[in-house]
Amino acid sequence: MGCLPLPVLFLLGAFIGRAFWGNNGMLWGSGIGLATGLLSAGAFIWLLRSDRNKK
């Protein structure tokens, strides 16, 4: 489940970019979606691995 945002945000960014700005928008949208997916997957994994009980 931690890697699910990668393809979802990649495709969502590509479709939004294509709808509003054509082929160049599709390229930029997919890049932004991929970067956002990587960041959210990394944050999700970091939150799972962090030890919240330590103070």
PDB file of N, CA and C in Angstrom:
ATOM      1  N   MET A   1       0.815  -1.202   0.000  1.00  0.00           N
ATOM      2  CA  MET A   1       0.000   0.000   0.000  1.00  0.00           C
ATOM      3  C   MET A   1       0.852   1.258   0.000  1.00  0.00           C
ATOM      4  N   GLY A   2       2.080   1.168   0.417  1.00  0.00           N
ATOM      5  CA  GLY A   2       2.918   2.357   0.463  1.00  0.00           C
ATOM      6  C   GLY A   2       3.310   2.867  -0.901  1.00  0.00           C
ATOM      7  N   CYS A   3       3.316   1.994  -1.905  1.00  0.00           N
ATOM      8  CA  CYS A   3       3.699   2.404  -3.254  1.00  0.00           C
ATOM      9  C   CYS A   3       2.494   2.722  -4.135  1.00  0.00           C
ATOM     10  N   LEU A   4       1.296   2.612  -3.631  1.00  0.00           N
ATOM     11  CA  LEU A   4       0.102   2.876  -4.417  1.00  0.00           C
ATOM     12  C   LEU A   4       0.024   4.318  -4.935  1.00  0.00           C
ATOM     13  N   PRO A   5       0.478   5.333  -4.192  1.00  0.00           N
ATOM     14  CA  PRO A   5       0.393   6.693  -4.731  1.00  0.00           C
ATOM     15  C   PRO A   5       1.233   6.918  -5.985  1.00  0.00           C
ATOM     16  N   LEU A   6       2.266   6.121  -6.196  1.00  0.00           N
ATOM     17  CA  LEU A   6       3.124   6.332  -7.366  1.00  0.00           C
ATOM     18  C   LEU A   6       2.361   6.227  -8.683  1.00  0.00           C
ATOM     19  N   PRO A   7       1.745   5.100  -9.003  1.00  0.00           N
ATOM     20  CA  PRO A   7       1.042   5.037 -10.284  1.00  0.00           C
ATOM     21  C   PRO A   7      -0.213   5.896 -10.323  1.00  0.00           C
ATOM     22  N   VAL A   8      -0.884   6.043  -9.189  1.00  0.00           N
ATOM     23  CA  VAL A   8      -2.114   6.841  -9.163  1.00  0.00           C
ATOM     24  C   VAL A   8      -1.808   8.305  -9.467  1.00  0.00           C
ATOM     25  N   LEU A   9      -0.850   8.875  -8.778  1.00  0.00           N
ATOM     26  CA  LEU A   9      -0.514  10.282  -8.987  1.00  0.00           C
ATOM     27  C   LEU A   9       0.185  10.503 -10.322  1.00  0.00           C
ATOM     28  N   PHE A  10       0.948   9.532 -10.785  1.00  0.00           N
ATOM     29  CA  PHE A  10       1.584   9.626 -12.093  1.00  0.00           C
ATOM     30  C   PHE A  10       0.521   9.737 -13.190  1.00  0.00           C
ATOM     31  N   LEU A  11      -0.449   8.840 -13.166  1.00  0.00           N
ATOM     32  CA  LEU A  11      -1.506   8.874 -14.179  1.00  0.00           C
ATOM     33  C   LEU A  11      -2.409  10.084 -14.029  1.00  0.00           C
ATOM     34  N   LEU A  12      -2.724  10.448 -12.798  1.00  0.00           N
ATOM     35  CA  LEU A  12      -3.566  11.612 -12.575  1.00  0.00           C
ATOM     36  C   LEU A  12      -2.894  12.880 -13.093  1.00  0.00           C
ATOM     37  N   GLY A  13      -1.624  13.033 -12.817  1.00  0.00           N
ATOM     38  CA  GLY A  13      -0.877  14.190 -13.325  1.00  0.00           C
ATOM     39  C   GLY A  13      -0.799  14.202 -14.839  1.00  0.00           C
ATOM     40  N   ALA A  14      -0.612  13.024 -15.441  1.00  0.00           N
ATOM     41  CA  ALA A  14      -0.545  12.941 -16.899  1.00  0.00           C
ATOM     42  C   ALA A  14      -1.881  13.308 -17.532  1.00  0.00           C
ATOM     43  N   PHE A  15      -2.983  12.823 -16.976  1.00  0.00           N
ATOM     44  CA  PHE A  15      -4.300  13.125 -17.541  1.00  0.00           C
ATOM     45  C   PHE A  15      -4.667  14.595 -17.369  1.00  0.00           C
ATOM     46  N   ILE A  16      -4.373  15.165 -16.215  1.00  0.00           N
ATOM     47  CA  ILE A  16      -4.674  16.583 -15.993  1.00  0.00           C
ATOM     48  C   ILE A  16      -3.813  17.457 -16.894  1.00  0.00           C
ATOM     49  N   GLY A  17      -2.534  17.137 -16.986  1.00  0.00           N
ATOM     50  CA  GLY A  17      -1.645  17.900 -17.857  1.00  0.00           C
ATOM     51  C   GLY A  17      -2.053  17.813 -19.312  1.00  0.00           C
ATOM     52  N   ARG A  18      -2.455  16.646 -19.765  1.00  0.00           N
ATOM     53  CA  ARG A  18      -2.891  16.466 -21.152  1.00  0.00           C
ATOM     54  C   ARG A  18      -4.182  17.237 -21.431  1.00  0.00           C
ATOM     55  N   ALA A  19      -5.096  17.226 -20.463  1.00  0.00           N
ATOM     56  CA  ALA A  19      -6.384  17.895 -20.658  1.00  0.00           C
ATOM     57  C   ALA A  19      -6.230  19.415 -20.762  1.00  0.00           C
ATOM     58  N   PHE A  20      -5.319  19.991 -20.005  1.00  0.00           N
ATOM     59  CA  PHE A  20      -5.218  21.448 -19.966  1.00  0.00           C
ATOM     60  C   PHE A  20      -4.109  22.019 -20.851  1.00  0.00           C
ATOM     61  N   TRP A  21      -3.000  21.295 -21.018  1.00  0.00           N
ATOM     62  CA  TRP A  21      -1.856  21.894 -21.697  1.00  0.00           C
ATOM     63  C   TRP A  21      -1.262  21.044 -22.817  1.00  0.00           C
ATOM     64  N   GLY A  22      -1.907  20.001 -23.243  1.00  0.00           N
ATOM     65  CA  GLY A  22      -1.448  19.211 -24.377  1.00  0.00           C
ATOM     66  C   GLY A  22      -0.301  18.273 -24.024  1.00  0.00           C
ATOM     67  N   ASN A  23       0.541  18.014 -25.030  1.00  0.00           N
ATOM     68  CA  ASN A  23       1.627  17.034 -24.851  1.00  0.00           C
ATOM     69  C   ASN A  23       2.677  17.496 -23.849  1.00  0.00           C
ATOM     70  N   ASN A  24       3.058  18.766 -23.889  1.00  0.00           N
ATOM     71  CA  ASN A  24       4.024  19.265 -22.910  1.00  0.00           C
ATOM     72  C   ASN A  24       3.446  19.212 -21.506  1.00  0.00           C
ATOM     73  N   GLY A  25       2.178  19.513 -21.367  1.00  0.00           N
ATOM     74  CA  GLY A  25       1.529  19.429 -20.064  1.00  0.00           C
ATOM     75  C   GLY A  25       1.478  18.012 -19.545  1.00  0.00           C
ATOM     76  N   MET A  26       1.328  17.053 -20.454  1.00  0.00           N
ATOM     77  CA  MET A  26       1.319  15.653 -20.041  1.00  0.00           C
ATOM     78  C   MET A  26       2.681  15.253 -19.478  1.00  0.00           C
ATOM     79  N   LEU A  27       3.738  15.713 -20.117  1.00  0.00           N
ATOM     80  CA  LEU A  27       5.084  15.415 -19.639  1.00  0.00           C
ATOM     81  C   LEU A  27       5.326  16.047 -18.267  1.00  0.00           C
ATOM     82  N   TRP A  28       4.999  17.314 -18.119  1.00  0.00           N
ATOM     83  CA  TRP A  28       5.185  17.993 -16.837  1.00  0.00           C
ATOM     84  C   TRP A  28       4.271  17.421 -15.760  1.00  0.00           C
ATOM     85  N   GLY A  29       3.039  17.141 -16.111  1.00  0.00           N
ATOM     86  CA  GLY A  29       2.096  16.593 -15.139  1.00  0.00           C
ATOM     87  C   GLY A  29       2.512  15.226 -14.638  1.00  0.00           C
ATOM     88  N   SER A  30       3.007  14.390 -15.541  1.00  0.00           N
ATOM     89  CA  SER A  30       3.450  13.068 -15.100  1.00  0.00           C
ATOM     90  C   SER A  30       4.705  13.161 -14.234  1.00  0.00           C
ATOM     91  N   GLY A  31       5.588  14.091 -14.549  1.00  0.00           N
ATOM     92  CA  GLY A  31       6.780  14.295 -13.712  1.00  0.00           C
ATOM     93  C   GLY A  31       6.432  14.796 -12.327  1.00  0.00           C
ATOM     94  N   ILE A  32       5.519  15.759 -12.274  1.00  0.00           N
ATOM     95  CA  ILE A  32       5.086  16.282 -10.980  1.00  0.00           C
ATOM     96  C   ILE A  32       4.331  15.216 -10.199  1.00  0.00           C
ATOM     97  N   GLY A  33       3.495  14.445 -10.888  1.00  0.00           N
ATOM     98  CA  GLY A  33       2.776  13.357 -10.222  1.00  0.00           C
ATOM     99  C   GLY A  33       3.716  12.290  -9.687  1.00  0.00           C
ATOM    100  N   LEU A  34       4.747  11.969 -10.452  1.00  0.00           N
ATOM    101  CA  LEU A  34       5.730  10.980  -9.997  1.00  0.00           C
ATOM    102  C   LEU A  34       6.486  11.488  -8.770  1.00  0.00           C
ATOM    103  N   ALA A  35       6.900  12.752  -8.805  1.00  0.00           N
ATOM    104  CA  ALA A  35       7.619  13.318  -7.655  1.00  0.00           C
ATOM    105  C   ALA A  35       6.730  13.365  -6.421  1.00  0.00           C
ATOM    106  N   THR A  36       5.478  13.753  -6.594  1.00  0.00           N
ATOM    107  CA  THR A  36       4.541  13.794  -5.474  1.00  0.00           C
ATOM    108  C   THR A  36       4.285  12.390  -4.927  1.00  0.00           C
ATOM    109  N   GLY A  37       4.173  11.410  -5.821  1.00  0.00           N
ATOM    110  CA  GLY A  37       3.984  10.023  -5.389  1.00  0.00           C
ATOM    111  C   GLY A  37       5.177   9.491  -4.617  1.00  0.00           C
ATOM    112  N   LEU A  38       6.372   9.821  -5.080  1.00  0.00           N
ATOM    113  CA  LEU A  38       7.574   9.388  -4.361  1.00  0.00           C
ATOM    114  C   LEU A  38       7.639  10.018  -2.973  1.00  0.00           C
ATOM    115  N   LEU A  39       7.324  11.301  -2.887  1.00  0.00           N
ATOM    116  CA  LEU A  39       7.346  11.972  -1.589  1.00  0.00           C
ATOM    117  C   LEU A  39       6.295  11.405  -0.641  1.00  0.00           C
ATOM    118  N   SER A  40       5.092  11.172  -1.140  1.00  0.00           N
ATOM    119  CA  SER A  40       4.053  10.647  -0.257  1.00  0.00           C
ATOM    120  C   SER A  40       4.330   9.205   0.151  1.00  0.00           C
ATOM    121  N   ALA A  41       4.883   8.386  -0.747  1.00  0.00           N
ATOM    122  CA  ALA A  41       5.241   7.019  -0.387  1.00  0.00           C
ATOM    123  C   ALA A  41       6.372   7.018   0.637  1.00  0.00           C
ATOM    124  N   GLY A  42       7.349   7.909   0.449  1.00  0.00           N
ATOM    125  CA  GLY A  42       8.440   8.018   1.420  1.00  0.00           C
ATOM    126  C   GLY A  42       7.960   8.472   2.780  1.00  0.00           C
ATOM    127  N   ALA A  43       7.030   9.434   2.795  1.00  0.00           N
ATOM    128  CA  ALA A  43       6.470   9.902   4.062  1.00  0.00           C
ATOM    129  C   ALA A  43       5.672   8.796   4.743  1.00  0.00           C
ATOM    130  N   PHE A  44       4.940   8.019   3.960  1.00  0.00           N
ATOM    131  CA  PHE A  44       4.158   6.921   4.520  1.00  0.00           C
ATOM    132  C   PHE A  44       5.067   5.870   5.148  1.00  0.00           C
ATOM    133  N   ILE A  45       6.121   5.499   4.454  1.00  0.00           N
ATOM    134  CA  ILE A  45       7.061   4.505   4.980  1.00  0.00           C
ATOM    135  C   ILE A  45       7.790   5.048   6.207  1.00  0.00           C
ATOM    136  N   TRP A  46       8.164   6.335   6.164  1.00  0.00           N
ATOM    137  CA  TRP A  46       8.830   6.942   7.309  1.00  0.00           C
ATOM    138  C   TRP A  46       7.917   6.941   8.533  1.00  0.00           C
ATOM    139  N   LEU A  47       6.632   7.247   8.337  1.00  0.00           N
ATOM    140  CA  LEU A  47       5.692   7.233   9.458  1.00  0.00           C
ATOM    141  C   LEU A  47       5.476   5.827  10.007  1.00  0.00           C
ATOM    142  N   LEU A  48       5.489   4.828   9.131  1.00  0.00           N
ATOM    143  CA  LEU A  48       5.336   3.456   9.596  1.00  0.00           C
ATOM    144  C   LEU A  48       6.541   2.981  10.398  1.00  0.00           C
ATOM    145  N   ARG A  49       7.724   3.405   9.985  1.00  0.00           N
ATOM    146  CA  ARG A  49       8.933   2.924  10.631  1.00  0.00           C
ATOM    147  C   ARG A  49       9.321   3.724  11.856  1.00  0.00           C
ATOM    148  N   SER A  50       8.787   4.921  12.013  1.00  0.00           N
ATOM    149  CA  SER A  50       9.201   5.738  13.153  1.00  0.00           C
ATOM    150  C   SER A  50       8.629   5.168  14.448  1.00  0.00           C
ATOM    151  N   ASP A  51       9.383   5.271  15.478  1.00  0.00           N
ATOM    152  CA  ASP A  51       8.977   4.767  16.780  1.00  0.00           C
ATOM    153  C   ASP A  51       8.340   5.920  17.547  1.00  0.00           C
ATOM    154  N   ARG A  52       7.044   5.911  17.628  1.00  0.00           N
ATOM    155  CA  ARG A  52       6.316   7.007  18.258  1.00  0.00           C
ATOM    156  C   ARG A  52       6.248   6.874  19.775  1.00  0.00           C
ATOM    157  N   ASN A  53       6.610   5.719  20.316  1.00  0.00           N
ATOM    158  CA  ASN A  53       6.504   5.512  21.751  1.00  0.00           C
ATOM    159  C   ASN A  53       7.714   6.047  22.511  1.00  0.00           C
ATOM    160  N   LYS A  54       8.810   6.297  21.822  1.00  0.00           N
ATOM    161  CA  LYS A  54       9.992   6.833  22.482  1.00  0.00           C
ATOM    162  C   LYS A  54       9.817   8.327  22.717  1.00  0.00           C
ATOM    163  N   LYS A  55      10.360   8.780  23.841  1.00  0.00           N
ATOM    164  CA  LYS A  55      10.309  10.212  24.133  1.00  0.00           C
ATOM    165  C   LYS A  55      11.650  10.702  24.590  1.00  0.00           C
TER     166      LYS A  55
END
